[in-house]
Each structure stands twice: as structure tokens, then as C-alpha cells.
Protein backbone atom coordinates (compact mmCIF):
# COMPACT_ATOMS: atom_id res chain seq x y z
CA MET A 1 0.00 0.19 -0.08
CA THR A 2 1.09 3.40 -1.00
CA SER A 3 1.77 5.72 2.35
CA ALA A 4 2.33 9.19 3.98
CA LEU A 5 3.85 10.54 6.61
CA PHE A 6 2.56 13.73 7.97
CA ILE A 7 5.04 15.75 10.29
CA VAL A 8 2.73 18.23 12.05
CA SER A 9 3.49 21.44 14.49
CA GLU A 10 2.98 20.89 18.01
CA GLU A 11 3.38 24.70 18.00
CA GLY A 12 0.58 25.19 15.97
CA TYR A 13 -0.01 24.02 11.93
CA TRP A 14 -2.34 25.75 9.84
CA GLY A 15 -5.22 23.12 9.23
CA GLU A 16 -5.89 23.87 5.77
CA GLU A 17 -2.41 22.85 4.93
CA CYS A 18 -2.92 19.78 6.83
CA ILE A 19 -6.04 18.73 6.40
CA GLU A 20 -6.50 19.17 2.19
CA PRO A 21 -3.33 17.21 1.65
CA LEU A 22 -4.69 14.66 4.28
CA GLU A 23 -7.53 13.44 2.81
CA THR A 24 -6.41 14.02 -0.51
CA LEU A 25 -4.49 11.46 0.05
CA SER A 26 -6.39 9.64 2.06
CA ASP A 27 -8.90 9.37 -0.52
CA ALA A 28 -6.33 8.22 -2.79
CA ASP A 29 -5.74 4.98 -0.25
CA PHE A 30 -2.72 6.29 1.01
CA GLU A 31 -1.61 4.59 4.11
CA ILE A 32 -1.33 7.82 6.62
CA THR A 33 1.57 8.19 9.47
CA VAL A 34 1.07 11.70 11.74
CA ALA A 35 4.52 12.35 13.45
CA THR A 36 5.27 15.38 15.47
CA PRO A 37 7.98 16.37 17.43
CA SER A 38 7.50 14.41 21.06
CA GLY A 39 4.90 12.33 19.94
CA ASP A 40 1.54 14.14 21.77
CA PRO A 41 -1.06 15.44 19.30
CA PRO A 42 0.06 18.33 16.97
CA VAL A 43 -1.63 21.66 18.15
CA LEU A 44 -3.60 23.87 15.40
CA ASP A 45 -3.13 27.47 14.69
CA GLU A 46 -6.63 28.73 15.91
CA THR A 47 -6.01 31.85 13.12
CA SER A 48 -6.53 28.59 10.48
CA ALA A 49 -9.82 27.63 12.29
CA ASP A 50 -11.39 31.29 12.79
CA PRO A 51 -14.84 31.49 10.35
CA ASP A 52 -13.86 35.41 10.13
CA GLU A 53 -9.56 34.79 9.03
CA VAL A 54 -11.07 31.53 6.56
CA GLY A 55 -14.69 31.16 6.24
CA GLU A 56 -17.42 29.32 8.36
CA GLU A 57 -17.25 26.05 5.97
CA THR A 58 -13.58 25.81 6.02
CA ALA A 59 -13.32 26.75 9.30
CA GLU A 60 -15.86 23.75 10.44
CA HIS A 61 -14.46 21.04 8.57
CA VAL A 62 -10.45 22.05 10.22
CA ARG A 63 -11.99 22.31 13.70
CA GLU A 64 -13.90 18.93 13.28
CA VAL A 65 -10.94 16.77 11.23
CA HIS A 66 -8.45 18.22 13.89
CA GLU A 67 -10.77 17.39 17.15
CA ASN A 68 -11.79 13.75 15.28
CA ASP A 69 -8.79 11.98 13.22
CA GLU A 70 -7.48 9.25 14.25
CA ARG A 71 -4.70 9.99 12.98
CA LEU A 72 -4.22 13.38 14.21
CA ASN A 73 -4.55 12.42 17.64
CA ASP A 74 -2.21 9.52 17.97
CA PRO A 75 1.30 10.45 16.29
CA ILE A 76 4.15 9.41 16.76
CA PRO A 77 7.49 10.85 17.76
CA THR A 78 9.68 11.83 14.87
CA ALA A 79 12.57 9.94 16.34
CA ARG A 80 10.44 6.65 15.99
CA ALA A 81 10.30 7.76 12.32
CA ASP A 82 11.87 5.97 9.59
CA ALA A 83 11.40 7.76 5.82
CA ASN A 84 12.22 4.91 3.79
CA ASP A 85 8.90 3.19 5.15
CA TYR A 86 6.79 6.08 3.46
CA ASN A 87 6.43 6.73 -0.77
CA ALA A 88 6.33 10.56 0.79
CA VAL A 89 6.78 12.73 4.17
CA VAL A 90 4.43 15.84 4.09
CA PHE A 91 5.05 19.01 6.31
CA PRO A 92 2.22 21.33 6.74
CA GLY A 93 3.04 25.15 7.43
CA GLY A 94 1.87 27.39 9.84
CA HIS A 95 4.21 29.90 11.79
CA GLY A 96 4.38 26.97 14.33
CA THR A 97 6.32 25.23 12.81
CA GLU A 98 9.29 27.67 12.94
CA TRP A 99 9.19 26.72 16.71
CA ASP A 100 9.67 23.05 16.67
CA ILE A 101 9.22 21.27 13.05
CA ASN A 102 12.23 23.33 11.35
CA GLN A 103 14.27 22.89 14.34
CA ASP A 104 13.39 18.99 14.47
CA HIS A 105 17.09 17.52 14.09
CA ASP A 106 14.65 14.23 13.09
CA ALA A 107 12.11 15.87 11.19
CA ARG A 108 15.28 17.37 9.24
CA ARG A 109 16.81 13.70 8.95
CA LEU A 110 13.40 12.74 7.89
CA LEU A 111 13.41 15.58 5.04
CA ARG A 112 17.15 14.85 3.97
CA ASP A 113 16.11 10.88 3.78
CA ALA A 114 13.16 11.05 1.32
CA VAL A 115 14.72 13.72 -0.81
CA GLU A 116 17.61 11.33 -1.26
CA GLY A 117 16.14 8.64 -0.93
CA ASP A 118 15.28 6.24 -4.16
CA SER A 119 11.55 6.47 -4.71
CA GLY A 120 10.29 8.49 -1.58
CA LYS A 121 8.96 11.92 -2.29
CA ALA A 122 9.41 15.72 0.62
CA LEU A 123 6.13 17.82 0.31
CA VAL A 124 7.35 20.87 1.88
CA VAL A 125 4.05 23.91 2.62
CA CYS A 126 4.85 27.25 3.68
CA HIS A 127 6.19 27.92 6.97
CA ALA A 128 7.16 24.42 6.90
CA VAL A 129 9.48 25.41 3.88
CA GLY A 130 12.05 27.04 6.87
CA ILE A 131 13.34 23.92 7.67
CA LEU A 132 14.99 23.80 4.31
CA ALA A 133 17.30 26.75 5.75
CA PHE A 134 18.67 24.09 8.18
CA ALA A 135 18.51 20.85 6.49
CA ARG A 136 21.36 19.32 5.19
CA ASP A 137 21.94 16.58 3.19
CA SER A 138 24.59 13.53 3.32
CA GLN A 139 27.02 14.91 2.18
CA GLY A 140 26.73 18.47 4.87
CA ALA A 141 25.30 20.85 1.83
CA PHE A 142 21.75 22.76 2.24
CA ILE A 143 19.40 20.54 0.38
CA VAL A 144 17.84 23.12 -0.88
CA ASN A 145 21.17 24.91 -2.19
CA GLY A 146 20.26 25.31 -6.00
CA ARG A 147 17.12 24.67 -5.71
CA ASP A 148 14.05 26.62 -6.91
CA VAL A 149 11.67 26.36 -4.32
CA THR A 150 8.29 28.77 -3.20
CA GLY A 151 7.09 28.99 0.50
CA PHE A 152 5.65 31.83 2.84
CA PRO A 153 6.93 35.23 1.31
CA ASN A 154 8.33 38.26 2.89
CA GLU A 155 5.40 40.45 1.29
CA TRP A 156 3.11 38.34 3.08
CA GLU A 157 4.72 38.17 6.11
CA GLU A 158 4.95 41.84 6.46
CA GLY A 159 1.01 42.11 6.90
CA ILE A 160 1.54 40.17 10.16
CA VAL A 161 4.11 41.05 12.00
CA ASP A 162 4.86 44.85 13.45
CA ASP A 163 8.21 46.46 13.37
CA ASP A 164 10.22 44.23 16.03
CA ASP A 165 8.83 41.19 13.88
CA LEU A 166 6.30 41.01 17.09
CA MET A 167 2.73 38.47 15.98
CA PRO A 168 -0.50 39.52 17.23
CA THR A 169 0.09 37.21 19.78
CA GLY A 170 3.09 39.37 21.41
CA ARG A 171 5.49 36.32 20.57
CA LYS A 172 8.77 37.35 18.65
CA LEU A 173 8.75 35.65 15.22
CA PRO A 174 12.46 33.65 15.00
CA TYR A 175 13.70 34.07 11.35
CA TRP A 176 11.16 34.70 8.01
CA VAL A 177 11.04 32.00 5.69
CA GLU A 178 12.13 33.66 2.36
CA ASP A 179 15.27 35.46 4.33
CA GLU A 180 16.48 31.78 5.61
CA VAL A 181 15.96 29.90 2.28
CA ILE A 182 17.53 32.36 0.15
CA ALA A 183 20.71 32.45 2.71
CA ALA A 184 21.15 28.75 2.18
CA GLY A 185 21.00 28.85 -1.72
CA GLY A 186 17.48 28.57 -2.93
CA ASN A 187 16.20 29.99 -6.03
CA TRP A 188 12.86 31.50 -4.86
CA ASP A 189 10.12 32.34 -6.49
CA ALA A 190 6.84 32.60 -4.38
CA GLU A 191 4.69 33.27 -7.76
CA LEU A 192 2.95 36.18 -6.05
CA GLU A 193 1.27 36.61 -9.46
CA ALA A 194 -0.47 33.37 -9.55
CA ASP A 195 -3.39 32.57 -7.61
CA THR A 196 -1.25 28.96 -6.08
CA SER A 197 1.96 28.51 -6.13
CA VAL A 198 3.54 24.64 -6.39
CA THR A 199 7.38 24.32 -7.81
CA VAL A 200 9.18 20.97 -8.15
CA ASP A 201 12.51 20.29 -8.00
CA GLY A 202 13.40 16.47 -8.13
CA ASP A 203 12.39 14.65 -5.34
CA LEU A 204 11.27 18.26 -3.58
CA LEU A 205 7.98 19.47 -3.80
CA THR A 206 7.31 23.07 -1.90
CA ALA A 207 3.98 24.79 -1.99
CA ARG A 208 3.06 28.74 -1.19
CA GLY A 209 0.94 28.49 1.41
CA PRO A 210 -2.93 27.27 2.22
CA GLU A 211 -4.37 28.15 -1.28
CA SER A 212 -1.88 25.78 -2.71
CA SER A 213 -2.37 22.96 -0.45
CA SER A 214 -4.93 21.03 -2.78
CA ALA A 215 -3.02 21.45 -5.62
CA ALA A 216 0.24 20.35 -3.40
CA ALA A 217 -1.36 17.34 -2.65
CA GLU A 218 -2.55 16.53 -6.81
CA THR A 219 1.05 17.69 -7.89
CA LEU A 220 2.12 14.97 -5.28
CA LEU A 221 0.17 12.35 -6.41
CA GLU A 222 1.00 12.98 -9.76
CA GLU A 223 4.63 12.81 -9.02
CA LEU A 224 4.40 9.40 -7.61
CA ASN A 225 2.27 8.25 -10.61
CA VAL A 226 -0.05 7.89 -8.03
């Protein structure tokens, strides 16, 4: 059976960026496993389930899946996961990933092994693309160096944080995804004029944000020939 590992934040994942791919791959008969850094259930970014922000229908659906999906409520620790056991490793986004997923050495290991493996793929969405600023390949080089990528752009971040990089919650954003990925050698293009942005470079797929989640999942299926 075709399988996928979802690595989801305990600091706040963006609902649509996880649930769209989760349901798309489930509908394609994937066996799904969810992992978090500690093995505790992932935490939903409440803004991604706010009807005023994402619409009533999306908000209701995101919360229903978050609360009731057995896979999301019974994750494994990233330390116990092996990318070679899966056809795809998926990294949903959300600001929360900047504090846990992107900094987790096991998450970075899983990304490396998925990209370097013989048959696996990695899909990285939105703020989770920041992991590429820290993840290195087996030779010690940044995985993203020389690769074409998309992700959460500075132009959007400017509309969220204040002049001191403080988010509406008062928490300071530790880094800007676009800046860090470029510094690690990535060829960045968030395609701001396009409705969606999904980039494929070898076994690495990246997606810009929530509105690209569905297209990203469909692209992953195409790349896996499913």
C-alpha cells in the first residue's frame, strides 16, 4: 500500500495546509501516519479555524477533522519514524513550525532521507519551507542549495508582524522563511502574481500557502504516479 508520513507542529499548524493533503492522499488510498516532535497530538493554529479569517465552511471542517481524526490524535514521535518506510513525507505549514518542526533534527533527518531516497518524495508547505534553511544533505551541504522553491513570502509576512517582528499574539517571529531559504542557497520564487504556487525540483516539492494546499497534494500524486 502507498503510504505517507505527515510531520505536524505541536506549536500551531495551519489547518488547511495539513487537512487538504491529508484528505487528498487518504482518498487516493494512502496509509497515513502522523508524527510530531514529542509524540503528543499536534496543536491547531486557532486562526486557521477562525470563520472570520478562513470562512465558516473551512473553519468548521478544519476543527472537525482536527478533533476527530484518529491519525492526528495518535501521532508517533519523529525520532521513531523512518522516511524509507513511506512513499512521501509531508510537512504542513503554520507559523508554529518555526519553533518546533523546522528546528527538530529528526524532522530534518526525515526530510533529507525522503529527498535522497530512491523512490520517496517530500512535500513542504508554507512556513514549514523554513526547514530548508537548516536541513543538510549527507555531505553536509544545505538540501535547498541550487534548488527551485516556493514558500511563505516576505511580502505576506510584512502584513502579519509589526516593526519588531512581533506577531499578533505578542510572540516574536524567530526568522523570515524567504530570507533564510535564500541565504541557504535556494532559488526562491513565490509566484506572487499566481493564485497558487507549487514548485517541483527533483524529489522536493514546495508549496506557498493555504490556497496552494490542494494543488500541492495533487502534484504529489502526479509525481508519485498514483
